[in-house]
Amino acid sequence: MSIYSTHNFSIHVWGDDHPPPHCHVRFKDGSNVSVTIPFIEPMYGATISLEVREAIEDNLDAIADRWDALHPIRKPKEPKKKKLKSK
């Protein structure tokens, strides 16, 4: 889902994504970068411009809210109780 868009890039959060919490920045040229939230750290050795950083900062609440809505915190599974075998 797109959160923010300019003529150069757009910011998205996907529902079928993996931790840690992050957003995707897609550029007009087709390239993209993943950026952690709330720390705004580019992932996988990428870099981001000041314009991208400021756009994420300005929209951080909306980005984090979207991540939380699409990735609810899961309760840990309770261990299955083992049945004792009767003799």
PDB file of N, CA and C in Angstrom:
ATOM      1  N   MET A   1       0.848  -1.176   0.000  1.00  0.00           N
ATOM      2  CA  MET A   1       0.000   0.000   0.000  1.00  0.00           C
ATOM      3  C   MET A   1       0.892   1.237   0.000  1.00  0.00           C
ATOM      4  N   SER A   2       0.572   2.174  -0.854  1.00  0.00           N
ATOM      5  CA  SER A   2       1.343   3.408  -0.951  1.00  0.00           C
ATOM      6  C   SER A   2       0.960   4.351   0.195  1.00  0.00           C
ATOM      7  N   ILE A   3       1.979   4.891   0.841  1.00  0.00           N
ATOM      8  CA  ILE A   3       1.770   5.804   1.969  1.00  0.00           C
ATOM      9  C   ILE A   3       2.016   7.247   1.537  1.00  0.00           C
ATOM     10  N   TYR A   4       2.993   7.429   0.638  1.00  0.00           N
ATOM     11  CA  TYR A   4       3.419   8.768   0.241  1.00  0.00           C
ATOM     12  C   TYR A   4       3.999   8.684  -1.159  1.00  0.00           C
ATOM     13  N   SER A   5       3.824   9.750  -1.924  1.00  0.00           N
ATOM     14  CA  SER A   5       4.326   9.729  -3.290  1.00  0.00           C
ATOM     15  C   SER A   5       4.792  11.114  -3.720  1.00  0.00           C
ATOM     16  N   THR A   6       5.900  11.154  -4.458  1.00  0.00           N
ATOM     17  CA  THR A   6       6.390  12.381  -5.085  1.00  0.00           C
ATOM     18  C   THR A   6       6.624  12.065  -6.558  1.00  0.00           C
ATOM     19  N   HIS A   7       7.145  13.024  -7.289  1.00  0.00           N
ATOM     20  CA  HIS A   7       7.458  12.772  -8.701  1.00  0.00           C
ATOM     21  C   HIS A   7       8.685  11.869  -8.856  1.00  0.00           C
ATOM     22  N   ASN A   8       9.504  11.734  -7.801  1.00  0.00           N
ATOM     23  CA  ASN A   8      10.727  10.922  -7.879  1.00  0.00           C
ATOM     24  C   ASN A   8      10.609   9.541  -7.235  1.00  0.00           C
ATOM     25  N   PHE A   9       9.761   9.408  -6.207  1.00  0.00           N
ATOM     26  CA  PHE A   9       9.679   8.132  -5.470  1.00  0.00           C
ATOM     27  C   PHE A   9       8.354   8.010  -4.742  1.00  0.00           C
ATOM     28  N   SER A  10       8.069   6.799  -4.299  1.00  0.00           N
ATOM     29  CA  SER A  10       6.889   6.544  -3.469  1.00  0.00           C
ATOM     30  C   SER A  10       7.295   5.613  -2.335  1.00  0.00           C
ATOM     31  N   ILE A  11       6.561   5.693  -1.226  1.00  0.00           N
ATOM     32  CA  ILE A  11       6.845   4.904  -0.034  1.00  0.00           C
ATOM     33  C   ILE A  11       5.694   3.926   0.166  1.00  0.00           C
ATOM     34  N   HIS A  12       6.032   2.647   0.364  1.00  0.00           N
ATOM     35  CA  HIS A  12       5.038   1.586   0.473  1.00  0.00           C
ATOM     36  C   HIS A  12       5.292   0.712   1.697  1.00  0.00           C
ATOM     37  N   VAL A  13       4.221   0.078   2.168  1.00  0.00           N
ATOM     38  CA  VAL A  13       4.311  -0.978   3.178  1.00  0.00           C
ATOM     39  C   VAL A  13       3.513  -2.153   2.627  1.00  0.00           C
ATOM     40  N   TRP A  14       4.122  -3.328   2.601  1.00  0.00           N
ATOM     41  CA  TRP A  14       3.468  -4.517   2.066  1.00  0.00           C
ATOM     42  C   TRP A  14       2.941  -5.399   3.200  1.00  0.00           C
ATOM     43  N   GLY A  15       1.831  -6.043   2.956  1.00  0.00           N
ATOM     44  CA  GLY A  15       1.204  -6.884   3.967  1.00  0.00           C
ATOM     45  C   GLY A  15       1.862  -8.237   4.136  1.00  0.00           C
ATOM     46  N   ASP A  16       2.453  -8.766   3.086  1.00  0.00           N
ATOM     47  CA  ASP A  16       3.050 -10.107   3.147  1.00  0.00           C
ATOM     48  C   ASP A  16       4.562 -10.000   3.298  1.00  0.00           C
ATOM     49  N   ASP A  17       4.989  -9.199   4.254  1.00  0.00           N
ATOM     50  CA  ASP A  17       6.415  -8.909   4.406  1.00  0.00           C
ATOM     51  C   ASP A  17       6.982  -9.499   5.688  1.00  0.00           C
ATOM     52  N   HIS A  18       8.282  -9.479   5.805  1.00  0.00           N
ATOM     53  CA  HIS A  18       9.041 -10.083   6.899  1.00  0.00           C
ATOM     54  C   HIS A  18       9.516  -9.016   7.875  1.00  0.00           C
ATOM     55  N   PRO A  19       9.835  -9.413   9.117  1.00  0.00           N
ATOM     56  CA  PRO A  19      10.454  -8.471  10.054  1.00  0.00           C
ATOM     57  C   PRO A  19      11.884  -8.164   9.596  1.00  0.00           C
ATOM     58  N   PRO A  20      12.492  -7.127  10.090  1.00  0.00           N
ATOM     59  CA  PRO A  20      11.988  -6.138  11.042  1.00  0.00           C
ATOM     60  C   PRO A  20      11.020  -5.178  10.341  1.00  0.00           C
ATOM     61  N   PRO A  21      10.282  -4.384  11.140  1.00  0.00           N
ATOM     62  CA  PRO A  21       9.382  -3.405  10.534  1.00  0.00           C
ATOM     63  C   PRO A  21      10.153  -2.497   9.572  1.00  0.00           C
ATOM     64  N   HIS A  22       9.611  -2.325   8.371  1.00  0.00           N
ATOM     65  CA  HIS A  22      10.286  -1.504   7.371  1.00  0.00           C
ATOM     66  C   HIS A  22       9.304  -1.054   6.302  1.00  0.00           C
ATOM     67  N   CYS A  23       9.752  -0.075   5.527  1.00  0.00           N
ATOM     68  CA  CYS A  23       8.980   0.370   4.374  1.00  0.00           C
ATOM     69  C   CYS A  23       9.849   0.205   3.138  1.00  0.00           C
ATOM     70  N   HIS A  24       9.208   0.308   1.990  1.00  0.00           N
ATOM     71  CA  HIS A  24       9.909   0.193   0.713  1.00  0.00           C
ATOM     72  C   HIS A  24       9.794   1.530  -0.006  1.00  0.00           C
ATOM     73  N   VAL A  25      10.928   2.012  -0.510  1.00  0.00           N
ATOM     74  CA  VAL A  25      10.937   3.232  -1.303  1.00  0.00           C
ATOM     75  C   VAL A  25      11.184   2.809  -2.747  1.00  0.00           C
ATOM     76  N   ARG A  26      10.219   3.118  -3.616  1.00  0.00           N
ATOM     77  CA  ARG A  26      10.338   2.789  -5.043  1.00  0.00           C
ATOM     78  C   ARG A  26      10.612   4.078  -5.803  1.00  0.00           C
ATOM     79  N   PHE A  27      11.661   4.039  -6.609  1.00  0.00           N
ATOM     80  CA  PHE A  27      12.051   5.215  -7.370  1.00  0.00           C
ATOM     81  C   PHE A  27      11.508   5.155  -8.791  1.00  0.00           C
ATOM     82  N   LYS A  28      11.430   6.316  -9.415  1.00  0.00           N
ATOM     83  CA  LYS A  28      10.881   6.435 -10.761  1.00  0.00           C
ATOM     84  C   LYS A  28      11.630   5.542 -11.759  1.00  0.00           C
ATOM     85  N   ASP A  29      12.932   5.348 -11.534  1.00  0.00           N
ATOM     86  CA  ASP A  29      13.732   4.532 -12.461  1.00  0.00           C
ATOM     87  C   ASP A  29      13.542   3.029 -12.258  1.00  0.00           C
ATOM     88  N   GLY A  30      12.679   2.634 -11.289  1.00  0.00           N
ATOM     89  CA  GLY A  30      12.409   1.224 -11.036  1.00  0.00           C
ATOM     90  C   GLY A  30      13.223   0.618  -9.910  1.00  0.00           C
ATOM     91  N   SER A  31      14.231   1.327  -9.421  1.00  0.00           N
ATOM     92  CA  SER A  31      15.016   0.817  -8.294  1.00  0.00           C
ATOM     93  C   SER A  31      14.227   0.992  -7.000  1.00  0.00           C
ATOM     94  N   ASN A  32      14.666   0.298  -5.965  1.00  0.00           N
ATOM     95  CA  ASN A  32      13.987   0.417  -4.680  1.00  0.00           C
ATOM     96  C   ASN A  32      14.959   0.153  -3.549  1.00  0.00           C
ATOM     97  N   VAL A  33      14.550   0.557  -2.363  1.00  0.00           N
ATOM     98  CA  VAL A  33      15.345   0.348  -1.155  1.00  0.00           C
ATOM     99  C   VAL A  33      14.388   0.095   0.005  1.00  0.00           C
ATOM    100  N   SER A  34      14.788  -0.792   0.904  1.00  0.00           N
ATOM    101  CA  SER A  34      14.030  -1.056   2.127  1.00  0.00           C
ATOM    102  C   SER A  34      14.651  -0.251   3.256  1.00  0.00           C
ATOM    103  N   VAL A  35      13.796   0.344   4.093  1.00  0.00           N
ATOM    104  CA  VAL A  35      14.266   1.211   5.178  1.00  0.00           C
ATOM    105  C   VAL A  35      13.543   0.814   6.457  1.00  0.00           C
ATOM    106  N   THR A  36      14.310   0.525   7.514  1.00  0.00           N
ATOM    107  CA  THR A  36      13.696   0.129   8.780  1.00  0.00           C
ATOM    108  C   THR A  36      12.941   1.302   9.398  1.00  0.00           C
ATOM    109  N   ILE A  37      11.888   0.932  10.124  1.00  0.00           N
ATOM    110  CA  ILE A  37      11.157   1.924  10.902  1.00  0.00           C
ATOM    111  C   ILE A  37      11.114   1.423  12.342  1.00  0.00           C
ATOM    112  N   PRO A  38      11.224   2.255  13.314  1.00  0.00           N
ATOM    113  CA  PRO A  38      11.218   3.707  13.277  1.00  0.00           C
ATOM    114  C   PRO A  38      12.601   4.344  13.154  1.00  0.00           C
ATOM    115  N   PHE A  39      13.651   3.550  12.999  1.00  0.00           N
ATOM    116  CA  PHE A  39      15.012   4.095  13.041  1.00  0.00           C
ATOM    117  C   PHE A  39      15.486   4.708  11.730  1.00  0.00           C
ATOM    118  N   ILE A  40      14.754   4.474  10.649  1.00  0.00           N
ATOM    119  CA  ILE A  40      15.058   5.027   9.328  1.00  0.00           C
ATOM    120  C   ILE A  40      16.476   4.669   8.912  1.00  0.00           C
ATOM    121  N   GLU A  41      16.777   3.377   8.966  1.00  0.00           N
ATOM    122  CA  GLU A  41      18.079   2.866   8.540  1.00  0.00           C
ATOM    123  C   GLU A  41      17.892   2.045   7.267  1.00  0.00           C
ATOM    124  N   PRO A  42      18.565   2.429   6.174  1.00  0.00           N
ATOM    125  CA  PRO A  42      18.474   1.633   4.958  1.00  0.00           C
ATOM    126  C   PRO A  42      18.991   0.215   5.212  1.00  0.00           C
ATOM    127  N   MET A  43      18.334  -0.759   4.599  1.00  0.00           N
ATOM    128  CA  MET A  43      18.708  -2.162   4.782  1.00  0.00           C
ATOM    129  C   MET A  43      19.624  -2.617   3.646  1.00  0.00           C
ATOM    130  N   TYR A  44      20.319  -3.698   3.894  1.00  0.00           N
ATOM    131  CA  TYR A  44      21.132  -4.386   2.880  1.00  0.00           C
ATOM    132  C   TYR A  44      22.225  -3.496   2.289  1.00  0.00           C
ATOM    133  N   GLY A  45      22.770  -2.591   3.086  1.00  0.00           N
ATOM    134  CA  GLY A  45      23.890  -1.769   2.640  1.00  0.00           C
ATOM    135  C   GLY A  45      23.513  -0.626   1.714  1.00  0.00           C
ATOM    136  N   ALA A  46      22.231  -0.359   1.565  1.00  0.00           N
ATOM    137  CA  ALA A  46      21.781   0.721   0.683  1.00  0.00           C
ATOM    138  C   ALA A  46      21.971   2.078   1.360  1.00  0.00           C
ATOM    139  N   THR A  47      21.797   3.121   0.594  1.00  0.00           N
ATOM    140  CA  THR A  47      21.829   4.484   1.119  1.00  0.00           C
ATOM    141  C   THR A  47      20.567   5.201   0.645  1.00  0.00           C
ATOM    142  N   ILE A  48      20.196   6.255   1.372  1.00  0.00           N
ATOM    143  CA  ILE A  48      19.040   7.063   0.961  1.00  0.00           C
ATOM    144  C   ILE A  48      19.428   8.533   0.991  1.00  0.00           C
ATOM    145  N   SER A  49      18.744   9.304   0.186  1.00  0.00           N
ATOM    146  CA  SER A  49      18.990  10.746   0.130  1.00  0.00           C
ATOM    147  C   SER A  49      18.311  11.445   1.306  1.00  0.00           C
ATOM    148  N   LEU A  50      18.698  12.679   1.520  1.00  0.00           N
ATOM    149  CA  LEU A  50      18.072  13.489   2.560  1.00  0.00           C
ATOM    150  C   LEU A  50      16.583  13.666   2.252  1.00  0.00           C
ATOM    151  N   GLU A  51      16.227  13.801   0.985  1.00  0.00           N
ATOM    152  CA  GLU A  51      14.824  13.951   0.594  1.00  0.00           C
ATOM    153  C   GLU A  51      13.994  12.732   1.015  1.00  0.00           C
ATOM    154  N   VAL A  52      14.538  11.543   0.790  1.00  0.00           N
ATOM    155  CA  VAL A  52      13.842  10.313   1.177  1.00  0.00           C
ATOM    156  C   VAL A  52      13.759  10.217   2.692  1.00  0.00           C
ATOM    157  N   ARG A  53      14.860  10.483   3.383  1.00  0.00           N
ATOM    158  CA  ARG A  53      14.870  10.435   4.848  1.00  0.00           C
ATOM    159  C   ARG A  53      13.815  11.380   5.426  1.00  0.00           C
ATOM    160  N   GLU A  54      13.743  12.591   4.909  1.00  0.00           N
ATOM    161  CA  GLU A  54      12.783  13.565   5.423  1.00  0.00           C
ATOM    162  C   GLU A  54      11.349  13.141   5.123  1.00  0.00           C
ATOM    163  N   ALA A  55      11.121  12.538   3.964  1.00  0.00           N
ATOM    164  CA  ALA A  55       9.770  12.059   3.628  1.00  0.00           C
ATOM    165  C   ALA A  55       9.346  10.954   4.587  1.00  0.00           C
ATOM    166  N   ILE A  56      10.277  10.054   4.914  1.00  0.00           N
ATOM    167  CA  ILE A  56       9.952   8.988   5.873  1.00  0.00           C
ATOM    168  C   ILE A  56       9.721   9.578   7.260  1.00  0.00           C
ATOM    169  N   GLU A  57      10.580  10.508   7.681  1.00  0.00           N
ATOM    170  CA  GLU A  57      10.397  11.155   8.984  1.00  0.00           C
ATOM    171  C   GLU A  57       9.038  11.847   9.061  1.00  0.00           C
ATOM    172  N   ASP A  58       8.677  12.586   8.013  1.00  0.00           N
ATOM    173  CA  ASP A  58       7.422  13.340   8.001  1.00  0.00           C
ATOM    174  C   ASP A  58       6.190  12.429   8.007  1.00  0.00           C
ATOM    175  N   ASN A  59       6.353  11.206   7.526  1.00  0.00           N
ATOM    176  CA  ASN A  59       5.229  10.272   7.417  1.00  0.00           C
ATOM    177  C   ASN A  59       5.402   9.045   8.307  1.00  0.00           C
ATOM    178  N   LEU A  60       6.301   9.139   9.278  1.00  0.00           N
ATOM    179  CA  LEU A  60       6.649   7.975  10.096  1.00  0.00           C
ATOM    180  C   LEU A  60       5.440   7.397  10.838  1.00  0.00           C
ATOM    181  N   ASP A  61       4.590   8.241  11.390  1.00  0.00           N
ATOM    182  CA  ASP A  61       3.416   7.727  12.109  1.00  0.00           C
ATOM    183  C   ASP A  61       2.511   6.925  11.177  1.00  0.00           C
ATOM    184  N   ALA A  62       2.263   7.445   9.983  1.00  0.00           N
ATOM    185  CA  ALA A  62       1.401   6.741   9.022  1.00  0.00           C
ATOM    186  C   ALA A  62       2.044   5.434   8.570  1.00  0.00           C
ATOM    187  N   ILE A  63       3.354   5.449   8.361  1.00  0.00           N
ATOM    188  CA  ILE A  63       4.068   4.239   7.940  1.00  0.00           C
ATOM    189  C   ILE A  63       4.003   3.188   9.045  1.00  0.00           C
ATOM    190  N   ALA A  64       4.310   3.594  10.280  1.00  0.00           N
ATOM    191  CA  ALA A  64       4.287   2.657  11.412  1.00  0.00           C
ATOM    192  C   ALA A  64       2.871   2.130  11.663  1.00  0.00           C
ATOM    193  N   ASP A  65       1.878   2.998  11.555  1.00  0.00           N
ATOM    194  CA  ASP A  65       0.487   2.563  11.742  1.00  0.00           C
ATOM    195  C   ASP A  65       0.103   1.528  10.693  1.00  0.00           C
ATOM    196  N   ARG A  66       0.511   1.748   9.449  1.00  0.00           N
ATOM    197  CA  ARG A  66       0.195   0.799   8.383  1.00  0.00           C
ATOM    198  C   ARG A  66       0.893  -0.528   8.630  1.00  0.00           C
ATOM    199  N   TRP A  67       2.187  -0.482   9.039  1.00  0.00           N
ATOM    200  CA  TRP A  67       2.909  -1.723   9.344  1.00  0.00           C
ATOM    201  C   TRP A  67       2.167  -2.489  10.443  1.00  0.00           C
ATOM    202  N   ASP A  68       1.810  -1.785  11.515  1.00  0.00           N
ATOM    203  CA  ASP A  68       1.123  -2.435  12.640  1.00  0.00           C
ATOM    204  C   ASP A  68      -0.217  -3.030  12.215  1.00  0.00           C
ATOM    205  N   ALA A  69      -0.945  -2.334  11.359  1.00  0.00           N
ATOM    206  CA  ALA A  69      -2.247  -2.836  10.916  1.00  0.00           C
ATOM    207  C   ALA A  69      -2.093  -4.087  10.050  1.00  0.00           C
ATOM    208  N   LEU A  70      -1.055  -4.130   9.242  1.00  0.00           N
ATOM    209  CA  LEU A  70      -0.844  -5.261   8.338  1.00  0.00           C
ATOM    210  C   LEU A  70      -0.086  -6.419   8.984  1.00  0.00           C
ATOM    211  N   HIS A  71       0.583  -6.157  10.105  1.00  0.00           N
ATOM    212  CA  HIS A  71       1.405  -7.174  10.775  1.00  0.00           C
ATOM    213  C   HIS A  71       1.089  -7.205  12.266  1.00  0.00           C
ATOM    214  N   PRO A  72      -0.101  -7.687  12.633  1.00  0.00           N
ATOM    215  CA  PRO A  72      -0.452  -7.714  14.056  1.00  0.00           C
ATOM    216  C   PRO A  72       0.531  -8.590  14.833  1.00  0.00           C
ATOM    217  N   ILE A  73       0.746  -8.212  16.048  1.00  0.00           N
ATOM    218  CA  ILE A  73       1.655  -8.987  16.894  1.00  0.00           C
ATOM    219  C   ILE A  73       1.037 -10.350  17.139  1.00  0.00           C
ATOM    220  N   ARG A  74       1.809 -11.363  16.884  1.00  0.00           N
ATOM    221  CA  ARG A  74       1.311 -12.730  17.056  1.00  0.00           C
ATOM    222  C   ARG A  74       1.608 -13.221  18.457  1.00  0.00           C
ATOM    223  N   LYS A  75       0.635 -13.909  19.014  1.00  0.00           N
ATOM    224  CA  LYS A  75       0.858 -14.528  20.314  1.00  0.00           C
ATOM    225  C   LYS A  75       1.678 -15.791  20.088  1.00  0.00           C
ATOM    226  N   PRO A  76       2.641 -16.031  20.968  1.00  0.00           N
ATOM    227  CA  PRO A  76       3.413 -17.263  20.812  1.00  0.00           C
ATOM    228  C   PRO A  76       2.520 -18.481  20.960  1.00  0.00           C
ATOM    229  N   LYS A  77       2.805 -19.501  20.187  1.00  0.00           N
ATOM    230  CA  LYS A  77       2.024 -20.728  20.288  1.00  0.00           C
ATOM    231  C   LYS A  77       2.333 -21.410  21.598  1.00  0.00           C
ATOM    232  N   GLU A  78       1.267 -21.914  22.219  1.00  0.00           N
ATOM    233  CA  GLU A  78       1.476 -22.664  23.457  1.00  0.00           C
ATOM    234  C   GLU A  78       1.980 -24.048  23.088  1.00  0.00           C
ATOM    235  N   PRO A  79       2.930 -24.550  23.861  1.00  0.00           N
ATOM    236  CA  PRO A  79       3.436 -25.893  23.552  1.00  0.00           C
ATOM    237  C   PRO A  79       2.322 -26.921  23.689  1.00  0.00           C
ATOM    238  N   LYS A  80       2.332 -27.871  22.792  1.00  0.00           N
ATOM    239  CA  LYS A  80       1.327 -28.934  22.852  1.00  0.00           C
ATOM    240  C   LYS A  80       1.635 -29.830  24.030  1.00  0.00           C
ATOM    241  N   LYS A  81       0.581 -30.205  24.731  1.00  0.00           N
ATOM    242  CA  LYS A  81       0.753 -31.116  25.858  1.00  0.00           C
ATOM    243  C   LYS A  81       0.908 -32.521  25.302  1.00  0.00           C
ATOM    244  N   LYS A  82       1.899 -33.204  25.788  1.00  0.00           N
ATOM    245  CA  LYS A  82       2.120 -34.588  25.366  1.00  0.00           C
ATOM    246  C   LYS A  82       1.207 -35.497  26.145  1.00  0.00           C
ATOM    247  N   LYS A  83       0.579 -36.381  25.434  1.00  0.00           N
ATOM    248  CA  LYS A  83      -0.269 -37.375  26.100  1.00  0.00           C
ATOM    249  C   LYS A  83       0.595 -38.533  26.553  1.00  0.00           C
ATOM    250  N   LEU A  84       0.340 -38.959  27.757  1.00  0.00           N
ATOM    251  CA  LEU A  84       1.074 -40.103  28.276  1.00  0.00           C
ATOM    252  C   LEU A  84       0.465 -41.379  27.687  1.00  0.00           C
ATOM    253  N   LYS A  85       1.317 -42.264  27.262  1.00  0.00           N
ATOM    254  CA  LYS A  85       0.827 -43.509  26.688  1.00  0.00           C
ATOM    255  C   LYS A  85       0.415 -44.453  27.810  1.00  0.00           C
ATOM    256  N   SER A  86      -0.718 -45.080  27.619  1.00  0.00           N
ATOM    257  CA  SER A  86      -1.200 -46.056  28.585  1.00  0.00           C
ATOM    258  C   SER A  86      -0.539 -47.403  28.309  1.00  0.00           C
ATOM    259  N   LYS A  87      -0.254 -48.129  29.375  1.00  0.00           N
ATOM    260  CA  LYS A  87       0.350 -49.444  29.211  1.00  0.00           C
ATOM    261  C   LYS A  87      -0.673 -50.507  29.306  1.00  0.00           C
TER     262      LYS A  87
END
